[in-house]
Amino acid sequence: MQAQSASIDPADVERFELLAKSWWDPRGPMRPLHQINPLRLRFVEEQIAARGEARLSGLDVLDIGCGGGLFSEALTKAGARVTGVDPSAGVIGAARQHAAENGLTIDYRGQTAEALADDGAQFDVVCAMEVLEHVVDMPAFVATACRMVKPGGWFFAATLNRTFKSFALAIVGAEYVLGWVPKGTHQWEKFITPAELEDAIEDAGLAAQARAGVVFQPLRNKWCVSRDTDINYMMSARRL
């Protein structure tokens, strides 16, 4: 682990390391990620298809901060050739084990995004899902991620907006009242507004394309894509 890395907050790495064994439990602490995973995949596929291109089949995709592999496996099942990186040895071990048990070929690496970029790695699609709110230096991390996007390729991010609404619902509600995620998982001051993320993306040489909110509808007991980006949102960008 490299403490000076823009993508490493040692406290967060340690926190997620402790969750490695429960990563694939749909009723465990990663339950919200299990529930929104189909929405993330659909957003990526629809954005690519909307530009008149093929979907994910045959594309080289990087999943930064892949954790136990929830999104990496979804991408693989959609036909992508996936590389998943995460600095936590424990969660990478869980990811490799689950992929092997399900007959999936995924290139999991226990390393940082910076190390991969320094090796000159390039991908058709780079994803950072629920990662940006955990890094030390968001603009530097986004620059690193975007450096690995091929010409004509895509960058996708999903993160949390820094609003009073997100503090009330994503931290007080989700962590302390409902117990959806472990207490201390998020720090509100590290949440990122869409404008801040878009600036970081454009400073990195890509053009922001679209954004969509992700909201929980309690009456339907499900997560849905929405125009409301006050709490969770996704954003796409492209190297033109």
C-alpha atoms as a PDB file:
ATOM      1  CA  MET A   1       0.000   0.000   0.000  1.00  0.00           C
ATOM      2  CA  GLN A   2       1.280   3.494  -0.842  1.00  0.00           C
ATOM      3  CA  ALA A   3       0.318   6.046   1.782  1.00  0.00           C
ATOM      4  CA  GLN A   4       1.140   8.937  -0.542  1.00  0.00           C
ATOM      5  CA  SER A   5      -1.284   7.711  -3.189  1.00  0.00           C
ATOM      6  CA  ALA A   6      -4.180  10.019  -4.033  1.00  0.00           C
ATOM      7  CA  SER A   7      -6.440   6.964  -4.017  1.00  0.00           C
ATOM      8  CA  ILE A   8      -5.477   5.679  -0.582  1.00  0.00           C
ATOM      9  CA  ASP A   9      -7.044   6.595   2.721  1.00  0.00           C
ATOM     10  CA  PRO A  10      -5.531   3.986   5.076  1.00  0.00           C
ATOM     11  CA  ALA A  11      -8.497   4.187   7.465  1.00  0.00           C
ATOM     12  CA  ASP A  12     -10.955   3.395   4.676  1.00  0.00           C
ATOM     13  CA  VAL A  13      -8.803   0.548   3.349  1.00  0.00           C
ATOM     14  CA  GLU A  14      -8.708  -0.975   6.824  1.00  0.00           C
ATOM     15  CA  ARG A  15     -12.463  -0.511   7.261  1.00  0.00           C
ATOM     16  CA  PHE A  16     -13.291  -2.319   4.016  1.00  0.00           C
ATOM     17  CA  GLU A  17     -10.707  -5.015   4.727  1.00  0.00           C
ATOM     18  CA  LEU A  18     -12.770  -5.996   7.756  1.00  0.00           C
ATOM     19  CA  LEU A  19     -15.829  -6.428   5.526  1.00  0.00           C
ATOM     20  CA  ALA A  20     -14.143  -8.758   3.030  1.00  0.00           C
ATOM     21  CA  LYS A  21     -15.797 -11.962   4.258  1.00  0.00           C
ATOM     22  CA  SER A  22     -19.290 -10.459   4.097  1.00  0.00           C
ATOM     23  CA  TRP A  23     -18.931  -8.687   0.734  1.00  0.00           C
ATOM     24  CA  TRP A  24     -21.124 -11.137  -1.145  1.00  0.00           C
ATOM     25  CA  ASP A  25     -23.841 -11.398   1.494  1.00  0.00           C
ATOM     26  CA  PRO A  26     -26.845  -9.611  -0.074  1.00  0.00           C
ATOM     27  CA  ARG A  27     -28.243  -8.964   3.409  1.00  0.00           C
ATOM     28  CA  GLY A  28     -24.919  -7.906   4.923  1.00  0.00           C
ATOM     29  CA  PRO A  29     -23.166  -4.524   5.159  1.00  0.00           C
ATOM     30  CA  MET A  30     -22.751  -4.367   1.358  1.00  0.00           C
ATOM     31  CA  ARG A  31     -26.512  -4.723   0.814  1.00  0.00           C
ATOM     32  CA  PRO A  32     -26.954  -1.253  -0.751  1.00  0.00           C
ATOM     33  CA  LEU A  33     -24.275  -2.045  -3.346  1.00  0.00           C
ATOM     34  CA  HIS A  34     -26.005  -5.309  -4.221  1.00  0.00           C
ATOM     35  CA  GLN A  35     -29.244  -3.387  -4.723  1.00  0.00           C
ATOM     36  CA  ILE A  36     -27.868  -0.582  -6.905  1.00  0.00           C
ATOM     37  CA  ASN A  37     -25.490  -2.736  -8.948  1.00  0.00           C
ATOM     38  CA  PRO A  38     -28.013  -3.302 -11.786  1.00  0.00           C
ATOM     39  CA  LEU A  39     -28.601   0.462 -12.006  1.00  0.00           C
ATOM     40  CA  ARG A  40     -24.880   1.138 -12.350  1.00  0.00           C
ATOM     41  CA  LEU A  41     -24.506  -1.436 -15.103  1.00  0.00           C
ATOM     42  CA  ARG A  42     -27.552  -0.156 -16.978  1.00  0.00           C
ATOM     43  CA  PHE A  43     -26.240   3.425 -16.845  1.00  0.00           C
ATOM     44  CA  VAL A  44     -22.895   2.373 -18.333  1.00  0.00           C
ATOM     45  CA  GLU A  45     -24.488   0.277 -21.061  1.00  0.00           C
ATOM     46  CA  GLU A  46     -27.080   2.885 -22.012  1.00  0.00           C
ATOM     47  CA  GLN A  47     -24.530   5.685 -22.193  1.00  0.00           C
ATOM     48  CA  ILE A  48     -22.304   3.695 -24.527  1.00  0.00           C
ATOM     49  CA  ALA A  49     -25.233   2.512 -26.646  1.00  0.00           C
ATOM     50  CA  ALA A  50     -26.658   6.044 -26.880  1.00  0.00           C
ATOM     51  CA  ARG A  51     -23.566   7.069 -28.842  1.00  0.00           C
ATOM     52  CA  GLY A  52     -24.357   4.429 -31.450  1.00  0.00           C
ATOM     53  CA  GLU A  53     -21.690   1.998 -30.277  1.00  0.00           C
ATOM     54  CA  ALA A  54     -21.784  -1.611 -29.183  1.00  0.00           C
ATOM     55  CA  ARG A  55     -22.445  -2.290 -25.547  1.00  0.00           C
ATOM     56  CA  LEU A  56     -19.790  -3.714 -23.260  1.00  0.00           C
ATOM     57  CA  SER A  57     -19.167  -6.949 -25.116  1.00  0.00           C
ATOM     58  CA  GLY A  58     -15.488  -7.229 -26.058  1.00  0.00           C
ATOM     59  CA  LEU A  59     -14.401  -3.980 -24.394  1.00  0.00           C
ATOM     60  CA  ASP A  60     -11.468  -3.719 -21.994  1.00  0.00           C
ATOM     61  CA  VAL A  61     -12.884  -2.316 -18.744  1.00  0.00           C
ATOM     62  CA  LEU A  62     -11.129  -1.204 -15.565  1.00  0.00           C
ATOM     63  CA  ASP A  63     -13.013  -1.288 -12.254  1.00  0.00           C
ATOM     64  CA  ILE A  64     -11.060   0.896  -9.792  1.00  0.00           C
ATOM     65  CA  GLY A  65     -11.734   0.171  -6.139  1.00  0.00           C
ATOM     66  CA  CYS A  66     -13.434  -3.055  -7.166  1.00  0.00           C
ATOM     67  CA  GLY A  67     -13.759  -4.339  -3.614  1.00  0.00           C
ATOM     68  CA  GLY A  68     -15.116  -7.869  -3.517  1.00  0.00           C
ATOM     69  CA  GLY A  69     -16.038  -7.729  -7.198  1.00  0.00           C
ATOM     70  CA  LEU A  70     -19.760  -6.942  -7.346  1.00  0.00           C
ATOM     71  CA  PHE A  71     -19.478  -4.577 -10.298  1.00  0.00           C
ATOM     72  CA  SER A  72     -16.559  -6.431 -11.893  1.00  0.00           C
ATOM     73  CA  GLU A  73     -18.646  -9.587 -12.124  1.00  0.00           C
ATOM     74  CA  ALA A  74     -21.631  -7.711 -13.560  1.00  0.00           C
ATOM     75  CA  LEU A  75     -19.380  -6.169 -16.217  1.00  0.00           C
ATOM     76  CA  THR A  76     -17.881  -9.564 -17.037  1.00  0.00           C
ATOM     77  CA  LYS A  77     -21.303 -11.169 -17.427  1.00  0.00           C
ATOM     78  CA  ALA A  78     -22.156  -8.326 -19.839  1.00  0.00           C
ATOM     79  CA  GLY A  79     -19.263  -9.466 -22.032  1.00  0.00           C
ATOM     80  CA  ALA A  80     -16.452  -7.108 -21.002  1.00  0.00           C
ATOM     81  CA  ARG A  81     -12.843  -8.101 -20.366  1.00  0.00           C
ATOM     82  CA  VAL A  82     -12.435  -6.779 -16.834  1.00  0.00           C
ATOM     83  CA  THR A  83      -9.476  -5.728 -14.734  1.00  0.00           C
ATOM     84  CA  GLY A  84     -10.337  -4.993 -11.102  1.00  0.00           C
ATOM     85  CA  VAL A  85      -7.927  -3.163  -8.799  1.00  0.00           C
ATOM     86  CA  ASP A  86      -8.131  -2.539  -5.077  1.00  0.00           C
ATOM     87  CA  PRO A  87      -5.410  -1.840  -2.482  1.00  0.00           C
ATOM     88  CA  SER A  88      -7.008  -4.185   0.065  1.00  0.00           C
ATOM     89  CA  ALA A  89      -5.555  -7.685  -0.061  1.00  0.00           C
ATOM     90  CA  GLY A  90      -8.536  -9.050   1.842  1.00  0.00           C
ATOM     91  CA  VAL A  91     -11.228  -7.853  -0.526  1.00  0.00           C
ATOM     92  CA  ILE A  92      -9.185  -8.802  -3.603  1.00  0.00           C
ATOM     93  CA  GLY A  93      -8.917 -12.287  -2.127  1.00  0.00           C
ATOM     94  CA  ALA A  94     -12.689 -12.389  -1.678  1.00  0.00           C
ATOM     95  CA  ALA A  95     -13.172 -11.178  -5.253  1.00  0.00           C
ATOM     96  CA  ARG A  96     -10.863 -13.825  -6.696  1.00  0.00           C
ATOM     97  CA  GLN A  97     -12.492 -16.589  -4.702  1.00  0.00           C
ATOM     98  CA  HIS A  98     -16.038 -15.625  -5.732  1.00  0.00           C
ATOM     99  CA  ALA A  99     -15.070 -15.300  -9.405  1.00  0.00           C
ATOM    100  CA  ALA A 100     -13.400 -18.712  -9.343  1.00  0.00           C
ATOM    101  CA  GLU A 101     -16.427 -20.312  -7.678  1.00  0.00           C
ATOM    102  CA  ASN A 102     -18.619 -18.910 -10.453  1.00  0.00           C
ATOM    103  CA  GLY A 103     -16.331 -19.738 -13.366  1.00  0.00           C
ATOM    104  CA  LEU A 104     -15.588 -16.108 -14.251  1.00  0.00           C
ATOM    105  CA  THR A 105     -12.271 -14.862 -15.630  1.00  0.00           C
ATOM    106  CA  ILE A 106     -11.409 -11.464 -14.132  1.00  0.00           C
ATOM    107  CA  ASP A 107      -7.935  -9.957 -13.790  1.00  0.00           C
ATOM    108  CA  TYR A 108      -7.948  -8.878 -10.146  1.00  0.00           C
ATOM    109  CA  ARG A 109      -4.922  -6.938  -8.918  1.00  0.00           C
ATOM    110  CA  GLY A 110      -4.086  -5.809  -5.409  1.00  0.00           C
ATOM    111  CA  GLN A 111      -2.649  -2.444  -6.361  1.00  0.00           C
ATOM    112  CA  THR A 112      -3.471   1.250  -6.647  1.00  0.00           C
ATOM    113  CA  ALA A 113      -4.807   3.092  -9.666  1.00  0.00           C
ATOM    114  CA  GLU A 114      -1.581   5.117  -9.730  1.00  0.00           C
ATOM    115  CA  ALA A 115       0.576   2.004 -10.003  1.00  0.00           C
ATOM    116  CA  LEU A 116      -1.519   0.703 -12.885  1.00  0.00           C
ATOM    117  CA  ALA A 117      -1.423   4.054 -14.690  1.00  0.00           C
ATOM    118  CA  ASP A 118       2.344   4.272 -14.245  1.00  0.00           C
ATOM    119  CA  ASP A 119       2.590   0.926 -16.063  1.00  0.00           C
ATOM    120  CA  GLY A 120       0.931   2.574 -19.075  1.00  0.00           C
ATOM    121  CA  ALA A 121      -2.327   0.607 -18.858  1.00  0.00           C
ATOM    122  CA  GLN A 122      -5.133   1.759 -21.188  1.00  0.00           C
ATOM    123  CA  PHE A 123      -8.795   0.766 -21.292  1.00  0.00           C
ATOM    124  CA  ASP A 124     -11.921   1.377 -23.365  1.00  0.00           C
ATOM    125  CA  VAL A 125     -13.874   2.053 -20.169  1.00  0.00           C
ATOM    126  CA  VAL A 126     -12.656   3.105 -16.716  1.00  0.00           C
ATOM    127  CA  CYS A 127     -15.092   2.936 -13.788  1.00  0.00           C
ATOM    128  CA  ALA A 128     -14.831   4.385 -10.281  1.00  0.00           C
ATOM    129  CA  MET A 129     -18.046   3.410  -8.550  1.00  0.00           C
ATOM    130  CA  GLU A 130     -18.557   4.515  -4.940  1.00  0.00           C
ATOM    131  CA  VAL A 131     -14.825   5.271  -4.746  1.00  0.00           C
ATOM    132  CA  LEU A 132     -14.385   9.034  -5.120  1.00  0.00           C
ATOM    133  CA  GLU A 133     -15.829   9.828  -1.681  1.00  0.00           C
ATOM    134  CA  HIS A 134     -13.132   7.641  -0.103  1.00  0.00           C
ATOM    135  CA  VAL A 135      -9.979   8.974  -1.788  1.00  0.00           C
ATOM    136  CA  VAL A 136      -7.525  11.470  -0.343  1.00  0.00           C
ATOM    137  CA  ASP A 137      -7.316  13.836  -3.343  1.00  0.00           C
ATOM    138  CA  MET A 138     -10.310  13.590  -5.658  1.00  0.00           C
ATOM    139  CA  PRO A 139      -9.006  15.739  -8.567  1.00  0.00           C
ATOM    140  CA  ALA A 140      -5.667  13.908  -8.582  1.00  0.00           C
ATOM    141  CA  PHE A 141      -7.418  10.559  -8.465  1.00  0.00           C
ATOM    142  CA  VAL A 142      -9.749  11.505 -11.336  1.00  0.00           C
ATOM    143  CA  ALA A 143      -6.741  12.669 -13.365  1.00  0.00           C
ATOM    144  CA  THR A 144      -5.084   9.287 -12.806  1.00  0.00           C
ATOM    145  CA  ALA A 145      -8.218   7.381 -13.766  1.00  0.00           C
ATOM    146  CA  CYS A 146      -8.790   9.462 -16.885  1.00  0.00           C
ATOM    147  CA  ARG A 147      -5.160   9.000 -17.942  1.00  0.00           C
ATOM    148  CA  MET A 148      -6.005   5.341 -18.524  1.00  0.00           C
ATOM    149  CA  VAL A 149      -8.937   6.049 -20.859  1.00  0.00           C
ATOM    150  CA  LYS A 150      -8.173   5.279 -24.501  1.00  0.00           C
ATOM    151  CA  PRO A 151      -9.007   7.830 -27.235  1.00  0.00           C
ATOM    152  CA  GLY A 152     -12.749   7.610 -27.739  1.00  0.00           C
ATOM    153  CA  GLY A 153     -13.089   5.746 -24.447  1.00  0.00           C
ATOM    154  CA  TRP A 154     -15.247   6.344 -21.388  1.00  0.00           C
ATOM    155  CA  PHE A 155     -14.959   7.222 -17.713  1.00  0.00           C
ATOM    156  CA  PHE A 156     -17.849   6.454 -15.350  1.00  0.00           C
ATOM    157  CA  ALA A 157     -18.196   7.466 -11.721  1.00  0.00           C
ATOM    158  CA  ALA A 158     -20.826   6.994  -9.029  1.00  0.00           C
ATOM    159  CA  THR A 159     -20.550   8.947  -5.799  1.00  0.00           C
ATOM    160  CA  LEU A 160     -22.362  11.048  -3.178  1.00  0.00           C
ATOM    161  CA  ASN A 161     -23.298  14.710  -3.446  1.00  0.00           C
ATOM    162  CA  ARG A 162     -22.311  17.092  -0.632  1.00  0.00           C
ATOM    163  CA  THR A 163     -25.674  18.524   0.420  1.00  0.00           C
ATOM    164  CA  PHE A 164     -27.570  18.851   3.674  1.00  0.00           C
ATOM    165  CA  LYS A 165     -29.926  16.227   2.280  1.00  0.00           C
ATOM    166  CA  SER A 166     -27.078  13.744   1.811  1.00  0.00           C
ATOM    167  CA  PHE A 167     -25.854  14.368   5.353  1.00  0.00           C
ATOM    168  CA  ALA A 168     -29.313  13.704   6.745  1.00  0.00           C
ATOM    169  CA  LEU A 169     -30.054  10.607   4.668  1.00  0.00           C
ATOM    170  CA  ALA A 170     -26.745   9.054   3.612  1.00  0.00           C
ATOM    171  CA  ILE A 171     -24.986   9.460   6.948  1.00  0.00           C
ATOM    172  CA  VAL A 172     -27.484  10.025   9.762  1.00  0.00           C
ATOM    173  CA  GLY A 173     -30.206   7.902   8.169  1.00  0.00           C
ATOM    174  CA  ALA A 174     -28.258   5.128   6.421  1.00  0.00           C
ATOM    175  CA  GLU A 175     -25.512   4.694   9.019  1.00  0.00           C
ATOM    176  CA  TYR A 176     -27.037   5.615  12.377  1.00  0.00           C
ATOM    177  CA  VAL A 177     -30.803   5.113  12.061  1.00  0.00           C
ATOM    178  CA  LEU A 178     -31.391   2.375   9.483  1.00  0.00           C
ATOM    179  CA  GLY A 179     -28.008   0.658   9.795  1.00  0.00           C
ATOM    180  CA  TRP A 180     -27.777   0.054   6.050  1.00  0.00           C
ATOM    181  CA  VAL A 181     -23.995   0.547   6.144  1.00  0.00           C
ATOM    182  CA  PRO A 182     -21.535   0.421   9.075  1.00  0.00           C
ATOM    183  CA  LYS A 183     -21.142   3.594  11.116  1.00  0.00           C
ATOM    184  CA  GLY A 184     -18.215   5.705   9.968  1.00  0.00           C
ATOM    185  CA  THR A 185     -18.299   4.428   6.390  1.00  0.00           C
ATOM    186  CA  HIS A 186     -18.641   7.962   5.000  1.00  0.00           C
ATOM    187  CA  GLN A 187     -17.304  11.414   5.815  1.00  0.00           C
ATOM    188  CA  TRP A 188     -19.666  14.135   4.609  1.00  0.00           C
ATOM    189  CA  GLU A 189     -16.868  16.633   3.945  1.00  0.00           C
ATOM    190  CA  LYS A 190     -15.426  14.199   1.376  1.00  0.00           C
ATOM    191  CA  PHE A 191     -18.658  14.053  -0.618  1.00  0.00           C
ATOM    192  CA  ILE A 192     -18.407  15.661  -4.066  1.00  0.00           C
ATOM    193  CA  THR A 193     -20.781  17.983  -5.870  1.00  0.00           C
ATOM    194  CA  PRO A 194     -21.498  17.240  -9.553  1.00  0.00           C
ATOM    195  CA  ALA A 195     -19.878  20.568 -10.485  1.00  0.00           C
ATOM    196  CA  GLU A 196     -16.674  19.614  -8.651  1.00  0.00           C
ATOM    197  CA  LEU A 197     -16.552  16.239 -10.355  1.00  0.00           C
ATOM    198  CA  GLU A 198     -17.246  17.720 -13.776  1.00  0.00           C
ATOM    199  CA  ASP A 199     -14.435  20.258 -13.285  1.00  0.00           C
ATOM    200  CA  ALA A 200     -12.016  17.465 -12.323  1.00  0.00           C
ATOM    201  CA  ILE A 201     -13.029  15.408 -15.361  1.00  0.00           C
ATOM    202  CA  GLU A 202     -12.602  18.295 -17.782  1.00  0.00           C
ATOM    203  CA  ASP A 203      -9.268  19.283 -16.200  1.00  0.00           C
ATOM    204  CA  ALA A 204      -8.195  15.698 -16.917  1.00  0.00           C
ATOM    205  CA  GLY A 205      -8.951  16.158 -20.612  1.00  0.00           C
ATOM    206  CA  LEU A 206     -12.295  14.394 -20.917  1.00  0.00           C
ATOM    207  CA  ALA A 207     -15.717  15.818 -21.696  1.00  0.00           C
ATOM    208  CA  ALA A 208     -18.576  15.201 -19.266  1.00  0.00           C
ATOM    209  CA  GLN A 209     -21.535  13.600 -21.042  1.00  0.00           C
ATOM    210  CA  ALA A 210     -24.426  12.858 -18.689  1.00  0.00           C
ATOM    211  CA  ARG A 211     -25.436  12.498 -15.063  1.00  0.00           C
ATOM    212  CA  ALA A 212     -28.231  10.661 -13.281  1.00  0.00           C
ATOM    213  CA  GLY A 213     -29.383  10.462  -9.701  1.00  0.00           C
ATOM    214  CA  VAL A 214     -29.967   7.266  -7.739  1.00  0.00           C
ATOM    215  CA  VAL A 215     -32.708   7.367  -5.109  1.00  0.00           C
ATOM    216  CA  PHE A 216     -34.343   4.935  -2.717  1.00  0.00           C
ATOM    217  CA  GLN A 217     -38.126   4.742  -2.942  1.00  0.00           C
ATOM    218  CA  PRO A 218     -39.331   3.425   0.441  1.00  0.00           C
ATOM    219  CA  LEU A 219     -42.895   2.708  -0.678  1.00  0.00           C
ATOM    220  CA  ARG A 220     -41.579   0.449  -3.430  1.00  0.00           C
ATOM    221  CA  ASN A 221     -38.602  -0.714  -1.323  1.00  0.00           C
ATOM    222  CA  LYS A 222     -36.241  -0.328  -4.255  1.00  0.00           C
ATOM    223  CA  TRP A 223     -33.558   1.907  -5.743  1.00  0.00           C
ATOM    224  CA  CYS A 224     -34.295   3.766  -8.968  1.00  0.00           C
ATOM    225  CA  VAL A 225     -32.597   6.104 -11.411  1.00  0.00           C
ATOM    226  CA  SER A 226     -33.869   9.657 -10.990  1.00  0.00           C
ATOM    227  CA  ARG A 227     -33.254  13.270 -11.955  1.00  0.00           C
ATOM    228  CA  ASP A 228     -32.638  13.940  -8.271  1.00  0.00           C
ATOM    229  CA  THR A 229     -28.848  14.087  -7.763  1.00  0.00           C
ATOM    230  CA  ASP A 230     -28.981  15.531  -4.237  1.00  0.00           C
ATOM    231  CA  ILE A 231     -27.719  12.329  -2.613  1.00  0.00           C
ATOM    232  CA  ASN A 232     -26.345   9.639  -4.949  1.00  0.00           C
ATOM    233  CA  TYR A 233     -25.482  10.269  -8.568  1.00  0.00           C
ATOM    234  CA  MET A 234     -23.630   8.792 -11.543  1.00  0.00           C
ATOM    235  CA  MET A 235     -21.704  10.642 -14.225  1.00  0.00           C
ATOM    236  CA  SER A 236     -20.264   9.686 -17.602  1.00  0.00           C
ATOM    237  CA  ALA A 237     -17.413  11.307 -19.511  1.00  0.00           C
ATOM    238  CA  ARG A 238     -15.553  10.607 -22.728  1.00  0.00           C
ATOM    239  CA  ARG A 239     -12.170  11.232 -24.283  1.00  0.00           C
ATOM    240  CA  LEU A 240     -13.196  12.735 -27.613  1.00  0.00           C
END
